[in-house]
Structures are given as C-alpha cells and as structure tokens.
Amino acid sequence: MLGAWHRDVYDFGDICTRACGFCAVPSGKPVGPPDEEEPFRVAEAVAKMGLRYAVVTSVNRDDQPDGGAHIFARTIEEIRRRVPGCKVEVLIPDFRGAWNALDVVSRRASGYSQP
C-alpha cells in the first residue's frame, strides 16, 4: 500500500457527451454503455493505494437514461465494501436535472458536488 490519504479517480471512460468550452476532455458519442465492471476496478485501485478519502468524478454520459448514476452508486458501494472507513466524495454531472438520479448517488456518498 502506498498509504496515500487522498486521490481523484475518473469514471465512465474518456469521451464526454457534451462540449463545454472550459473543459479539455474530448467530446463525442461514447461507444457503448459505461463498463459495468468499472466500479470493481476503481475500488481495487483505491484499496491498493490505501486511500482513506477518494474523489470520484466522470465525464457526462447523457447517452445513458440515468446519466450513469447507477455506476456512481455501485462505485461508492464497492469502495466502501473493499475499503471500510474510506470516505467517498463524488463530483457528479447534472444528470440533466433528473432528481431521482441525484438521489441514487447522494444517499451513498460522503459528499458530493454538482455543477
């Protein structure tokens, strides 16, 4: 274990469905849905780094009905399962105003921020 206290983790791939002028992330149409195995890989990385505080963020996935909220929720749950006591903050997209998607994520996170 590296014993690091905090690290940011990027979720949902590297193609964003929006083209915000302030962001350098490539935009376009992602090929396929988010990888359902990603929450396990993120949790494994958090465990290997020995983190006590993880920040998970992502590209926008407007191509998904819930904007990827279920992947955020599973990522939080898997980190907590693998690394008990680890705080998980998520920097989430706006989920196109879907309050139910926000609720799915906010009930699980230690903290969250939304644009």
Foldseek 3Di string as FASTA:
>chain_A
DQQDAEDEAEFQDQEACDDDPVDPGHYDQDDDGGDLCVLVVLLVVCLVNVYQEYEYEYHFDLVDQQRCLVVLLSSLVSNCVSRPNRAYEYEYECSVVDVVSVVSNVVRHPYYHYD
